[in-house]
C-alpha atoms as a PDB file:
ATOM      1  CA  MET A   1     130.800  70.362 127.398  1.00  0.00           C
ATOM      2  CA  LYS A   2     134.163  71.910 127.384  1.00  0.00           C
ATOM      3  CA  GLY A   3     136.721  70.114 125.078  1.00  0.00           C
ATOM      4  CA  ASP A   4     139.907  71.147 123.353  1.00  0.00           C
ATOM      5  CA  SER A   5     138.766  74.803 123.079  1.00  0.00           C
ATOM      6  CA  ASP A   6     139.429  77.189 126.121  1.00  0.00           C
ATOM      7  CA  THR A   7     136.099  78.888 125.315  1.00  0.00           C
ATOM      8  CA  ALA A   8     133.082  76.775 126.113  1.00  0.00           C
ATOM      9  CA  LEU A   9     129.345  77.044 126.452  1.00  0.00           C
ATOM     10  CA  PRO A  10     127.729  76.394 129.841  1.00  0.00           C
ATOM     11  CA  GLU A  11     126.558  72.740 130.067  1.00  0.00           C
ATOM     12  CA  ALA A  12     122.965  73.977 130.611  1.00  0.00           C
ATOM     13  CA  PHE A  13     122.880  74.977 126.830  1.00  0.00           C
ATOM     14  CA  ASP A  14     122.695  71.286 126.001  1.00  0.00           C
ATOM     15  CA  ASP A  15     119.046  71.277 127.409  1.00  0.00           C
ATOM     16  CA  LEU A  16     117.930  73.899 124.821  1.00  0.00           C
ATOM     17  CA  ASP A  17     115.857  72.858 121.840  1.00  0.00           C
ATOM     18  CA  ILE A  18     117.694  75.362 119.537  1.00  0.00           C
ATOM     19  CA  GLY A  19     121.179  75.033 118.286  1.00  0.00           C
ATOM     20  CA  ILE A  20     123.868  77.269 119.882  1.00  0.00           C
ATOM     21  CA  THR A  21     127.420  77.708 118.688  1.00  0.00           C
ATOM     22  CA  LEU A  22     130.398  79.830 119.762  1.00  0.00           C
ATOM     23  CA  ARG A  23     132.537  81.072 116.946  1.00  0.00           C
ATOM     24  CA  ASP A  24     135.869  82.675 116.458  1.00  0.00           C
ATOM     25  CA  PRO A  25     135.097  86.349 115.605  1.00  0.00           C
ATOM     26  CA  LYS A  26     137.792  86.548 112.914  1.00  0.00           C
ATOM     27  CA  THR A  27     138.031  83.069 111.251  1.00  0.00           C
ATOM     28  CA  GLY A  28     134.444  81.903 111.915  1.00  0.00           C
ATOM     29  CA  ALA A  29     135.626  78.577 113.308  1.00  0.00           C
ATOM     30  CA  ILE A  30     133.440  76.792 115.782  1.00  0.00           C
ATOM     31  CA  LEU A  31     134.752  77.065 119.374  1.00  0.00           C
ATOM     32  CA  ASP A  32     132.004  75.002 120.941  1.00  0.00           C
ATOM     33  CA  ALA A  33     128.433  73.809 120.190  1.00  0.00           C
ATOM     34  CA  ASN A  34     125.518  72.442 122.157  1.00  0.00           C
ATOM     35  CA  ALA A  35     123.944  69.080 121.727  1.00  0.00           C
ATOM     36  CA  GLN A  36     121.111  70.314 119.563  1.00  0.00           C
ATOM     37  CA  VAL A  37     123.577  71.506 116.877  1.00  0.00           C
ATOM     38  CA  GLY A  38     124.960  67.919 116.566  1.00  0.00           C
ATOM     39  CA  ARG A  39     121.339  66.594 116.256  1.00  0.00           C
ATOM     40  CA  LEU A  40     120.515  69.198 113.605  1.00  0.00           C
ATOM     41  CA  TYR A  41     123.611  68.813 111.548  1.00  0.00           C
ATOM     42  CA  GLY A  42     124.106  65.110 112.047  1.00  0.00           C
ATOM     43  CA  TYR A  43     127.710  65.486 113.115  1.00  0.00           C
ATOM     44  CA  SER A  44     129.272  64.838 116.473  1.00  0.00           C
ATOM     45  CA  ARG A  45     130.654  67.922 118.437  1.00  0.00           C
ATOM     46  CA  ALA A  46     134.161  66.692 117.927  1.00  0.00           C
ATOM     47  CA  GLU A  47     133.590  66.525 114.135  1.00  0.00           C
ATOM     48  CA  LEU A  48     132.016  69.983 114.048  1.00  0.00           C
ATOM     49  CA  LEU A  49     135.040  71.460 115.785  1.00  0.00           C
ATOM     50  CA  GLU A  50     137.247  70.184 112.976  1.00  0.00           C
ATOM     51  CA  MET A  51     134.818  71.406 110.078  1.00  0.00           C
ATOM     52  CA  LYS A  52     134.612  74.594 108.166  1.00  0.00           C
ATOM     53  CA  ILE A  53     131.173  76.099 107.288  1.00  0.00           C
ATOM     54  CA  GLU A  54     131.759  75.044 103.627  1.00  0.00           C
ATOM     55  CA  ASP A  55     131.972  71.430 104.699  1.00  0.00           C
ATOM     56  CA  TYR A  56     128.236  71.304 105.454  1.00  0.00           C
ATOM     57  CA  THR A  57     127.118  73.970 102.875  1.00  0.00           C
ATOM     58  CA  PRO A  58     126.104  72.148  99.635  1.00  0.00           C
ATOM     59  CA  PRO A  59     128.289  73.366  96.698  1.00  0.00           C
ATOM     60  CA  SER A  60     125.287  73.616  94.372  1.00  0.00           C
ATOM     61  CA  THR A  61     123.835  76.575  96.464  1.00  0.00           C
ATOM     62  CA  LYS A  62     124.592  80.311  96.357  1.00  0.00           C
ATOM     63  CA  PHE A  63     125.922  80.143  99.886  1.00  0.00           C
ATOM     64  CA  SER A  64     129.712  80.177 100.703  1.00  0.00           C
ATOM     65  CA  GLN A  65     132.272  80.089 103.423  1.00  0.00           C
ATOM     66  CA  GLU A  66     133.361  83.603 102.585  1.00  0.00           C
ATOM     67  CA  LYS A  67     129.788  84.986 102.993  1.00  0.00           C
ATOM     68  CA  ALA A  68     129.356  83.210 106.263  1.00  0.00           C
ATOM     69  CA  VAL A  69     132.677  84.631 107.761  1.00  0.00           C
ATOM     70  CA  GLU A  70     131.640  88.117 106.570  1.00  0.00           C
ATOM     71  CA  ARG A  71     128.465  87.802 108.598  1.00  0.00           C
ATOM     72  CA  ILE A  72     130.301  86.573 111.528  1.00  0.00           C
ATOM     73  CA  GLN A  73     132.825  89.387 111.490  1.00  0.00           C
ATOM     74  CA  ALA A  74     130.027  91.983 111.132  1.00  0.00           C
ATOM     75  CA  ALA A  75     128.319  90.521 114.188  1.00  0.00           C
ATOM     76  CA  ALA A  76     131.635  90.656 116.097  1.00  0.00           C
ATOM     77  CA  ALA A  77     131.779  94.458 115.282  1.00  0.00           C
ATOM     78  CA  GLY A  78     128.367  94.942 116.835  1.00  0.00           C
ATOM     79  CA  ASP A  79     126.106  94.520 113.725  1.00  0.00           C
ATOM     80  CA  SER A  80     123.764  91.655 114.682  1.00  0.00           C
ATOM     81  CA  GLN A  81     122.931  89.383 111.830  1.00  0.00           C
ATOM     82  CA  GLU A  82     119.928  87.324 111.138  1.00  0.00           C
ATOM     83  CA  PHE A  83     119.687  85.301 107.843  1.00  0.00           C
ATOM     84  CA  GLU A  84     118.525  81.934 106.365  1.00  0.00           C
ATOM     85  CA  TRP A  85     121.059  79.397 105.237  1.00  0.00           C
ATOM     86  CA  GLN A  86     120.842  75.958 103.607  1.00  0.00           C
ATOM     87  CA  ILE A  87     123.018  73.222 104.988  1.00  0.00           C
ATOM     88  CA  GLU A  88     123.784  69.570 104.089  1.00  0.00           C
ATOM     89  CA  ARG A  89     123.280  67.178 106.968  1.00  0.00           C
ATOM     90  CA  ALA A  90     125.753  64.300 107.417  1.00  0.00           C
ATOM     91  CA  SER A  91     123.064  62.066 105.836  1.00  0.00           C
ATOM     92  CA  GLY A  92     123.111  64.144 102.657  1.00  0.00           C
ATOM     93  CA  GLU A  93     119.744  65.702 103.333  1.00  0.00           C
ATOM     94  CA  LEU A  94     119.365  69.481 102.639  1.00  0.00           C
ATOM     95  CA  ILE A  95     117.651  71.488 105.260  1.00  0.00           C
ATOM     96  CA  TRP A  96     117.038  75.317 105.825  1.00  0.00           C
ATOM     97  CA  ILE A  97     118.148  77.004 109.054  1.00  0.00           C
ATOM     98  CA  ARG A  98     117.602  80.548 110.388  1.00  0.00           C
ATOM     99  CA  VAL A  99     120.693  81.846 112.034  1.00  0.00           C
ATOM    100  CA  ARG A 100     121.016  84.870 114.449  1.00  0.00           C
ATOM    101  CA  LEU A 101     124.512  86.052 115.277  1.00  0.00           C
ATOM    102  CA  ASN A 102     125.501  88.407 118.166  1.00  0.00           C
ATOM    103  CA  SER A 103     128.773  89.362 119.745  1.00  0.00           C
ATOM    104  CA  THR A 104     129.427  88.127 123.332  1.00  0.00           C
ATOM    105  CA  THR A 105     132.257  87.605 125.705  1.00  0.00           C
ATOM    106  CA  ILE A 106     132.799  84.335 127.645  1.00  0.00           C
ATOM    107  CA  ASP A 107     135.692  84.059 130.204  1.00  0.00           C
ATOM    108  CA  GLU A 108     136.926  87.495 128.972  1.00  0.00           C
ATOM    109  CA  THR A 109     137.302  86.037 125.473  1.00  0.00           C
ATOM    110  CA  PRO A 110     135.365  88.051 122.670  1.00  0.00           C
ATOM    111  CA  CYS A 111     133.410  85.612 120.421  1.00  0.00           C
ATOM    112  CA  VAL A 112     130.222  85.353 118.388  1.00  0.00           C
ATOM    113  CA  ILE A 113     127.208  83.363 119.538  1.00  0.00           C
ATOM    114  CA  SER A 114     124.815  81.966 117.048  1.00  0.00           C
ATOM    115  CA  GLU A 115     121.212  80.779 117.556  1.00  0.00           C
ATOM    116  CA  ILE A 116     120.221  78.112 114.918  1.00  0.00           C
ATOM    117  CA  ARG A 117     116.642  77.047 114.207  1.00  0.00           C
ATOM    118  CA  ASN A 118     115.419  74.474 111.574  1.00  0.00           C
ATOM    119  CA  ILE A 119     112.918  76.266 109.343  1.00  0.00           C
ATOM    120  CA  THR A 120     112.702  73.611 106.570  1.00  0.00           C
ATOM    121  CA  GLU A 121     108.979  73.092 107.087  1.00  0.00           C
ATOM    122  CA  TYR A 122     108.391  76.826 107.063  1.00  0.00           C
ATOM    123  CA  LYS A 123     110.244  77.265 103.812  1.00  0.00           C
ATOM    124  CA  SER A 124     108.253  74.297 102.267  1.00  0.00           C
ATOM    125  CA  ARG A 125     104.928  76.002 103.250  1.00  0.00           C
ATOM    126  CA  GLU A 126     106.100  79.384 101.965  1.00  0.00           C
ATOM    127  CA  ARG A 127     107.105  77.830  98.601  1.00  0.00           C
ATOM    128  CA  ARG A 128     103.772  75.967  98.391  1.00  0.00           C
ATOM    129  CA  LEU A 129     101.904  79.190  98.849  1.00  0.00           C
ATOM    130  CA  ARG A 130     103.941  80.829  96.102  1.00  0.00           C
ATOM    131  CA  LEU A 131     103.243  77.872  93.777  1.00  0.00           C
ATOM    132  CA  LEU A 132      99.545  77.812  94.374  1.00  0.00           C
ATOM    133  CA  ASN A 133      99.342  81.638  93.973  1.00  0.00           C
ATOM    134  CA  ARG A 134     101.087  81.209  90.647  1.00  0.00           C
ATOM    135  CA  VAL A 135      98.791  78.441  89.524  1.00  0.00           C
ATOM    136  CA  ILE A 136      95.584  80.317  90.434  1.00  0.00           C
ATOM    137  CA  ARG A 137      96.709  83.716  89.107  1.00  0.00           C
ATOM    138  CA  HIS A 138      98.510  82.526  85.894  1.00  0.00           C
ATOM    139  CA  ASN A 139      98.014  78.984  84.702  1.00  0.00           C
ATOM    140  CA  LEU A 140      94.317  78.607  85.468  1.00  0.00           C
ATOM    141  CA  ARG A 141      93.498  82.013  84.380  1.00  0.00           C
ATOM    142  CA  ASN A 142      95.281  81.625  81.073  1.00  0.00           C
ATOM    143  CA  GLU A 143      93.694  78.286  80.374  1.00  0.00           C
ATOM    144  CA  THR A 144      90.181  79.747  81.303  1.00  0.00           C
ATOM    145  CA  ASN A 145      90.762  82.712  78.907  1.00  0.00           C
ATOM    146  CA  LEU A 146      91.709  80.246  76.198  1.00  0.00           C
ATOM    147  CA  LEU A 147      88.625  78.218  76.859  1.00  0.00           C
ATOM    148  CA  ILE A 148      86.378  81.279  76.695  1.00  0.00           C
ATOM    149  CA  GLY A 149      88.054  82.318  73.406  1.00  0.00           C
ATOM    150  CA  TYR A 150      87.500  78.926  71.773  1.00  0.00           C
ATOM    151  CA  ALA A 151      83.877  78.870  73.056  1.00  0.00           C
ATOM    152  CA  ASP A 152      83.362  81.988  71.055  1.00  0.00           C
ATOM    153  CA  ARG A 153      85.086  80.459  68.021  1.00  0.00           C
ATOM    154  CA  LEU A 154      82.858  77.473  68.510  1.00  0.00           C
ATOM    155  CA  LYS A 155      79.833  79.686  67.955  1.00  0.00           C
ATOM    156  CA  ASP A 156      81.182  80.915  64.651  1.00  0.00           C
ATOM    157  CA  ALA A 157      82.039  77.331  63.670  1.00  0.00           C
ATOM    158  CA  VAL A 158      78.444  76.246  64.150  1.00  0.00           C
ATOM    159  CA  GLU A 159      77.532  78.576  61.373  1.00  0.00           C
ATOM    160  CA  LYS A 160      80.387  77.353  59.215  1.00  0.00           C
ATOM    161  CA  GLN A 161      79.842  73.769  59.968  1.00  0.00           C
ATOM    162  CA  SER A 162      83.493  73.204  61.021  1.00  0.00           C
ATOM    163  CA  LEU A 163      83.046  72.045  64.551  1.00  0.00           C
ATOM    164  CA  GLU A 164      85.469  69.008  64.823  1.00  0.00           C
ATOM    165  CA  ASP A 165      88.849  71.092  65.178  1.00  0.00           C
ATOM    166  CA  GLU A 166      87.422  73.765  67.621  1.00  0.00           C
ATOM    167  CA  ALA A 167      85.612  71.073  69.703  1.00  0.00           C
ATOM    168  CA  GLU A 168      89.011  69.085  69.954  1.00  0.00           C
ATOM    169  CA  THR A 169      90.910  72.136  70.947  1.00  0.00           C
ATOM    170  CA  ILE A 170      88.465  72.855  73.739  1.00  0.00           C
ATOM    171  CA  SER A 171      88.695  69.294  74.961  1.00  0.00           C
ATOM    172  CA  GLU A 172      92.492  69.611  75.132  1.00  0.00           C
ATOM    173  CA  ILE A 173      92.249  72.878  77.100  1.00  0.00           C
ATOM    174  CA  ALA A 174      89.723  71.368  79.552  1.00  0.00           C
ATOM    175  CA  ALA A 175      92.065  68.343  80.033  1.00  0.00           C
ATOM    176  CA  GLU A 176      94.963  70.688  80.776  1.00  0.00           C
ATOM    177  CA  ILE A 177      92.962  72.406  83.419  1.00  0.00           C
ATOM    178  CA  GLY A 178      92.196  68.980  84.922  1.00  0.00           C
ATOM    179  CA  THR A 179      95.924  68.225  84.991  1.00  0.00           C
ATOM    180  CA  LEU A 180      96.576  71.482  86.779  1.00  0.00           C
ATOM    181  CA  SER A 181      93.947  70.545  89.320  1.00  0.00           C
ATOM    182  CA  ASP A 182      95.404  67.077  89.828  1.00  0.00           C
ATOM    183  CA  SER A 183      99.010  68.609  90.313  1.00  0.00           C
ATOM    184  CA  VAL A 184      97.643  71.077  92.987  1.00  0.00           C
ATOM    185  CA  HIS A 185      95.999  68.149  94.767  1.00  0.00           C
ATOM    186  CA  GLN A 186      99.285  66.253  94.714  1.00  0.00           C
ATOM    187  CA  ILE A 187     101.046  69.230  96.219  1.00  0.00           C
ATOM    188  CA  GLU A 188      98.427  69.534  98.951  1.00  0.00           C
ATOM    189  CA  GLU A 189      98.710  65.851  99.754  1.00  0.00           C
ATOM    190  CA  ILE A 190     102.569  66.024  99.961  1.00  0.00           C
ATOM    191  CA  ALA A 191     102.449  69.081 102.198  1.00  0.00           C
ATOM    192  CA  LYS A 192     100.188  67.573 104.827  1.00  0.00           C
ATOM    193  CA  PRO A 193     102.360  66.980 107.909  1.00  0.00           C
ATOM    194  CA  ASP A 194     100.715  63.528 108.513  1.00  0.00           C
ATOM    195  CA  ALA A 195     100.821  62.505 104.837  1.00  0.00           C
ATOM    196  CA  THR A 196     104.632  62.320 104.478  1.00  0.00           C
ATOM    197  CA  GLN A 197     105.074  58.860 105.977  1.00  0.00           C
ATOM    198  CA  ARG A 198     108.525  58.036 104.653  1.00  0.00           C
ATOM    199  CA  THR A 199     109.827  54.491 104.560  1.00  0.00           C
ATOM    200  CA  PRO A 200     113.057  52.982 103.252  1.00  0.00           C
ATOM    201  CA  THR A 201     112.342  52.299  99.637  1.00  0.00           C
ATOM    202  CA  ASN A 202     114.394  50.552  96.923  1.00  0.00           C
ATOM    203  CA  LEU A 203     114.645  53.192  94.249  1.00  0.00           C
ATOM    204  CA  GLY A 204     115.045  50.870  91.394  1.00  0.00           C
ATOM    205  CA  ASP A 205     111.714  49.036  92.401  1.00  0.00           C
ATOM    206  CA  LEU A 206     109.963  52.321  92.669  1.00  0.00           C
ATOM    207  CA  VAL A 207     111.112  53.473  89.230  1.00  0.00           C
ATOM    208  CA  ARG A 208     110.030  50.144  87.768  1.00  0.00           C
ATOM    209  CA  ASP A 209     106.550  50.465  89.228  1.00  0.00           C
ATOM    210  CA  VAL A 210     106.236  53.979  87.920  1.00  0.00           C
ATOM    211  CA  ILE A 211     107.325  52.943  84.415  1.00  0.00           C
ATOM    212  CA  GLU A 212     104.796  50.122  84.240  1.00  0.00           C
ATOM    213  CA  GLY A 213     102.118  52.716  84.796  1.00  0.00           C
ATOM    214  CA  ILE A 214     103.561  55.039  82.193  1.00  0.00           C
ATOM    215  CA  GLU A 215     103.836  52.322  79.616  1.00  0.00           C
ATOM    216  CA  ALA A 216     100.191  51.423  80.123  1.00  0.00           C
ATOM    217  CA  GLU A 217      99.284  55.151  79.480  1.00  0.00           C
ATOM    218  CA  TYR A 218     101.723  55.593  76.549  1.00  0.00           C
ATOM    219  CA  PRO A 219     102.023  52.202  74.909  1.00  0.00           C
ATOM    220  CA  ASP A 220     103.722  53.633  71.861  1.00  0.00           C
ATOM    221  CA  ALA A 221     106.638  55.179  73.818  1.00  0.00           C
ATOM    222  CA  ALA A 222     109.981  53.266  74.025  1.00  0.00           C
ATOM    223  CA  LEU A 223     111.160  53.259  77.597  1.00  0.00           C
ATOM    224  CA  THR A 224     114.396  51.593  78.790  1.00  0.00           C
ATOM    225  CA  VAL A 225     115.687  51.213  82.359  1.00  0.00           C
ATOM    226  CA  GLU A 226     119.215  50.746  83.566  1.00  0.00           C
ATOM    227  CA  ARG A 227     119.786  49.854  87.274  1.00  0.00           C
ATOM    228  CA  ARG A 228     123.488  50.446  87.817  1.00  0.00           C
ATOM    229  CA  SER A 229     123.359  50.450  91.608  1.00  0.00           C
ATOM    230  CA  ASP A 230     121.004  48.994  94.231  1.00  0.00           C
ATOM    231  CA  VAL A 231     120.091  52.150  96.200  1.00  0.00           C
ATOM    232  CA  ARG A 232     117.580  52.869  98.962  1.00  0.00           C
ATOM    233  CA  VAL A 233     116.031  56.202  99.931  1.00  0.00           C
ATOM    234  CA  ASN A 234     113.506  57.427 102.488  1.00  0.00           C
ATOM    235  CA  ALA A 235     110.618  58.154 100.119  1.00  0.00           C
ATOM    236  CA  ASP A 236     106.912  59.016 100.271  1.00  0.00           C
ATOM    237  CA  GLU A 237     104.254  59.237  97.617  1.00  0.00           C
ATOM    238  CA  GLY A 238     105.824  62.584  96.530  1.00  0.00           C
ATOM    239  CA  LEU A 239     108.838  60.865  94.871  1.00  0.00           C
ATOM    240  CA  ARG A 240     106.403  58.756  92.756  1.00  0.00           C
ATOM    241  CA  TYR A 241     104.543  61.922  91.706  1.00  0.00           C
ATOM    242  CA  ALA A 242     107.834  63.592  90.706  1.00  0.00           C
ATOM    243  CA  ILE A 243     109.079  60.635  88.570  1.00  0.00           C
ATOM    244  CA  GLU A 244     105.713  60.338  86.874  1.00  0.00           C
ATOM    245  CA  HIS A 245     105.633  64.056  85.997  1.00  0.00           C
ATOM    246  CA  ALA A 246     109.218  63.794  84.614  1.00  0.00           C
ATOM    247  CA  LEU A 247     108.429  60.822  82.334  1.00  0.00           C
ATOM    248  CA  ASP A 248     105.049  62.280  81.346  1.00  0.00           C
ATOM    249  CA  ASN A 249     106.618  65.591  80.281  1.00  0.00           C
ATOM    250  CA  ALA A 250     109.357  63.812  78.348  1.00  0.00           C
ATOM    251  CA  ILE A 251     106.965  61.758  76.416  1.00  0.00           C
ATOM    252  CA  VAL A 252     104.225  64.388  75.799  1.00  0.00           C
ATOM    253  CA  HIS A 253     106.765  67.056  74.545  1.00  0.00           C
ATOM    254  CA  ASP A 254     108.841  64.650  72.325  1.00  0.00           C
ATOM    255  CA  ASP A 255     108.227  65.612  68.787  1.00  0.00           C
ATOM    256  CA  ARG A 256     109.761  62.585  67.251  1.00  0.00           C
ATOM    257  CA  GLN A 257     107.694  59.784  65.659  1.00  0.00           C
ATOM    258  CA  VAL A 258     108.439  57.533  68.699  1.00  0.00           C
ATOM    259  CA  ALA A 259     109.326  59.016  72.040  1.00  0.00           C
ATOM    260  CA  ALA A 260     112.426  57.139  73.322  1.00  0.00           C
ATOM    261  CA  ILE A 261     113.251  57.761  76.990  1.00  0.00           C
ATOM    262  CA  GLU A 262     116.105  56.249  78.965  1.00  0.00           C
ATOM    263  CA  VAL A 263     115.947  55.995  82.655  1.00  0.00           C
ATOM    264  CA  VAL A 264     119.118  55.205  84.808  1.00  0.00           C
ATOM    265  CA  VAL A 265     119.065  54.400  88.543  1.00  0.00           C
ATOM    266  CA  THR A 266     122.537  54.728  90.073  1.00  0.00           C
ATOM    267  CA  ARG A 267     124.637  56.159  92.884  1.00  0.00           C
ATOM    268  CA  HIS A 268     126.353  59.491  92.255  1.00  0.00           C
ATOM    269  CA  ALA A 269     130.082  58.941  92.120  1.00  0.00           C
ATOM    270  CA  ASN A 270     131.158  62.038  94.063  1.00  0.00           C
ATOM    271  CA  THR A 271     128.358  62.439  96.786  1.00  0.00           C
ATOM    272  CA  GLY A 272     127.076  58.901  97.245  1.00  0.00           C
ATOM    273  CA  GLN A 273     123.568  60.227  96.698  1.00  0.00           C
ATOM    274  CA  ALA A 274     120.962  58.048  95.130  1.00  0.00           C
ATOM    275  CA  GLU A 275     120.275  59.242  91.614  1.00  0.00           C
ATOM    276  CA  VAL A 276     117.645  58.809  88.927  1.00  0.00           C
ATOM    277  CA  LYS A 277     118.422  60.163  85.453  1.00  0.00           C
ATOM    278  CA  ILE A 278     115.657  60.587  82.870  1.00  0.00           C
ATOM    279  CA  ILE A 279     117.154  61.134  79.393  1.00  0.00           C
ATOM    280  CA  ASP A 280     115.105  62.166  76.385  1.00  0.00           C
ATOM    281  CA  GLY A 281     115.748  63.364  72.839  1.00  0.00           C
ATOM    282  CA  GLY A 282     112.936  65.888  72.534  1.00  0.00           C
ATOM    283  CA  PRO A 283     112.932  69.690  72.433  1.00  0.00           C
ATOM    284  CA  THR A 284     115.146  71.346  75.180  1.00  0.00           C
ATOM    285  CA  ILE A 285     113.154  72.546  78.093  1.00  0.00           C
ATOM    286  CA  PRO A 286     112.953  76.382  77.763  1.00  0.00           C
ATOM    287  CA  ASP A 287     115.216  78.268  80.233  1.00  0.00           C
ATOM    288  CA  ILE A 288     112.315  80.337  81.601  1.00  0.00           C
ATOM    289  CA  GLU A 289     110.678  76.988  82.748  1.00  0.00           C
ATOM    290  CA  ILE A 290     113.790  76.151  84.773  1.00  0.00           C
ATOM    291  CA  ASP A 291     114.447  79.704  85.882  1.00  0.00           C
ATOM    292  CA  VAL A 292     111.086  80.164  87.581  1.00  0.00           C
ATOM    293  CA  LEU A 293     111.886  77.303  89.947  1.00  0.00           C
ATOM    294  CA  GLU A 294     114.504  79.452  91.579  1.00  0.00           C
ATOM    295  CA  GLU A 295     113.529  81.092  94.881  1.00  0.00           C
ATOM    296  CA  ASP A 296     114.125  84.729  93.729  1.00  0.00           C
ATOM    297  CA  VAL A 297     112.630  84.537  90.204  1.00  0.00           C
ATOM    298  CA  GLU A 298     109.054  85.732  89.551  1.00  0.00           C
ATOM    299  CA  GLY A 299     107.728  83.878  86.422  1.00  0.00           C
ATOM    300  CA  SER A 300     105.942  86.015  83.859  1.00  0.00           C
ATOM    301  CA  THR A 301     104.882  83.113  81.607  1.00  0.00           C
ATOM    302  CA  THR A 302     104.587  79.343  81.475  1.00  0.00           C
ATOM    303  CA  TYR A 303     105.450  76.867  78.849  1.00  0.00           C
ATOM    304  CA  HIS A 304     102.137  75.306  77.978  1.00  0.00           C
ATOM    305  CA  GLY A 305     101.608  71.850  79.675  1.00  0.00           C
ATOM    306  CA  SER A 306     104.904  71.611  81.488  1.00  0.00           C
ATOM    307  CA  GLY A 307     105.292  74.503  83.885  1.00  0.00           C
ATOM    308  CA  LEU A 308     103.328  73.051  86.752  1.00  0.00           C
ATOM    309  CA  GLY A 309     104.745  69.602  86.254  1.00  0.00           C
ATOM    310  CA  LEU A 310     108.272  70.899  86.792  1.00  0.00           C
ATOM    311  CA  TRP A 311     107.027  72.713  89.984  1.00  0.00           C
ATOM    312  CA  VAL A 312     105.585  69.489  91.267  1.00  0.00           C
ATOM    313  CA  MET A 313     108.882  67.674  90.626  1.00  0.00           C
ATOM    314  CA  GLN A 314     110.896  70.462  92.435  1.00  0.00           C
ATOM    315  CA  TRP A 315     108.536  70.501  95.315  1.00  0.00           C
ATOM    316  CA  CYS A 316     108.576  66.711  95.824  1.00  0.00           C
ATOM    317  CA  VAL A 317     112.403  66.578  95.787  1.00  0.00           C
ATOM    318  CA  ASP A 318     112.727  69.554  98.075  1.00  0.00           C
ATOM    319  CA  SER A 319     110.340  67.860 100.535  1.00  0.00           C
ATOM    320  CA  LEU A 320     112.804  64.798 100.632  1.00  0.00           C
ATOM    321  CA  GLY A 321     115.860  67.053 101.175  1.00  0.00           C
ATOM    322  CA  GLY A 322     117.169  66.295  97.720  1.00  0.00           C
ATOM    323  CA  GLU A 323     118.122  68.174  94.544  1.00  0.00           C
ATOM    324  CA  LEU A 324     116.589  68.501  91.119  1.00  0.00           C
ATOM    325  CA  VAL A 325     119.005  69.173  88.244  1.00  0.00           C
ATOM    326  CA  PHE A 326     118.222  70.000  84.633  1.00  0.00           C
ATOM    327  CA  GLU A 327     120.845  69.441  81.835  1.00  0.00           C
ATOM    328  CA  GLU A 328     120.888  69.455  78.081  1.00  0.00           C
ATOM    329  CA  ASN A 329     121.396  66.050  76.325  1.00  0.00           C
ATOM    330  CA  SER A 330     123.732  65.773  73.418  1.00  0.00           C
ATOM    331  CA  PRO A 331     122.991  66.121  70.565  1.00  0.00           C
ATOM    332  CA  ARG A 332     119.434  67.021  71.537  1.00  0.00           C
ATOM    333  CA  GLY A 333     117.064  66.649  74.430  1.00  0.00           C
ATOM    334  CA  ASN A 334     117.181  66.863  78.137  1.00  0.00           C
ATOM    335  CA  VAL A 335     118.618  65.008  81.221  1.00  0.00           C
ATOM    336  CA  VAL A 336     116.609  65.416  84.377  1.00  0.00           C
ATOM    337  CA  ARG A 337     118.461  64.249  87.426  1.00  0.00           C
ATOM    338  CA  PHE A 338     116.851  63.470  90.924  1.00  0.00           C
ATOM    339  CA  LEU A 339     119.553  63.467  93.644  1.00  0.00           C
ATOM    340  CA  LEU A 340     118.367  62.061  96.927  1.00  0.00           C
ATOM    341  CA  PRO A 341     119.897  61.139 100.373  1.00  0.00           C
ATOM    342  CA  SER A 342     120.694  57.534 100.436  1.00  0.00           C
ATOM    343  CA  VAL A 343     119.407  55.449 103.432  1.00  0.00           C
ATOM    344  CA  ARG A 344     122.568  53.603 104.221  1.00  0.00           C
ATOM    345  CA  PRO A 345     125.717  55.676 105.087  1.00  0.00           C
ATOM    346  CA  ALA A 346     128.120  55.990 102.134  1.00  0.00           C
ATOM    347  CA  THR A 347     131.308  53.806 102.289  1.00  0.00           C
ATOM    348  CA  ALA A 348     134.757  55.104 102.229  1.00  0.00           C
ATOM    349  CA  GLU A 349     134.787  54.872  98.445  1.00  0.00           C
ATOM    350  CA  GLU A 350     131.442  56.689  98.061  1.00  0.00           C
ATOM    351  CA  ARG A 351     131.925  59.570 100.577  1.00  0.00           C
ATOM    352  CA  PRO A 352     131.413  63.076  99.101  1.00  0.00           C
ATOM    353  CA  ASP A 353     134.357  64.665  97.221  1.00  0.00           C
ATOM    354  CA  ARG A 354     133.681  68.169  98.298  1.00  0.00           C
ATOM    355  CA  SER A 355     135.995  69.705  95.704  1.00  0.00           C
ATOM    356  CA  SER A 356     133.474  68.726  93.080  1.00  0.00           C
ATOM    357  CA  SER A 357     129.908  70.073  92.375  1.00  0.00           C
ATOM    358  CA  ARG A 358     126.923  67.729  92.279  1.00  0.00           C
ATOM    359  CA  ALA A 359     126.032  69.020  88.838  1.00  0.00           C
ATOM    360  CA  GLU A 360     129.336  67.669  87.363  1.00  0.00           C
END
């Protein structure tokens, strides 16, 4: 295993099923890595020895080279570190890892040894439990309370012979509860280990199929599709759910006489990721709806009819190792961007420009 570095791991470490690296206690540079690290990160050992931590840390996250080096230096000083980190594999897929750092000495050379485990599945299950808890405690409870309230109003309406409006409102609320139930079922299906059978899929063809179903459901909506690139992704049924929710939300919440939605399938110029952009001209999605998708934010309310849909979109994209980005359209509306790892390796012209953020 020993290469250009004078400090190396014993060859037996290549037989371990957890990633092991040796790092310089001052700079954080990799001195050596076992075979599992290469499999986990998607880079060869030679490539990893030339890379900085920021090279495989996605720029859109809160993690940074500086924070990583601080933790390595703390471990070198005798303060063991254990934390979770999100990395970007060579394929562009985002995964979660748990890292444990300890100081050690090899061949009389002080260094920091790190143990690295893939916890992506654990993080996904954790997020699913949080979502389902939110749905049960908040969304369904609120809708049920509304239903009870309108049932009381219906009793009064019987006496006043003004049943139509109250009955229609009750029907809408009941339909919303049914939508919540369907969304929970979708999440359950996506989360099953044996249900995420991913196959290389032409993204443009998938979007076309979804739009055909949406057009049948909303014949008055004006939907246009532009396929700027022929891109393929490893996809499962979850991606279809996500795009359906994005289009449904855009149409349902559009307050114009005719909901006009533009869909663009392309390849991101800086990262080489496959990208679907859904552009509408309706009301801007409230910040609170986007904020509650963050890991550390506890939502206190939900925007009626859209909150769970956004969660399903986020969940589906996360499960594919991609990113979901929300932006404001100009002069009005929203741009929802699905960024996904492309199946084929990016060409030299498409390789990531790591000086730029995905959200540019």
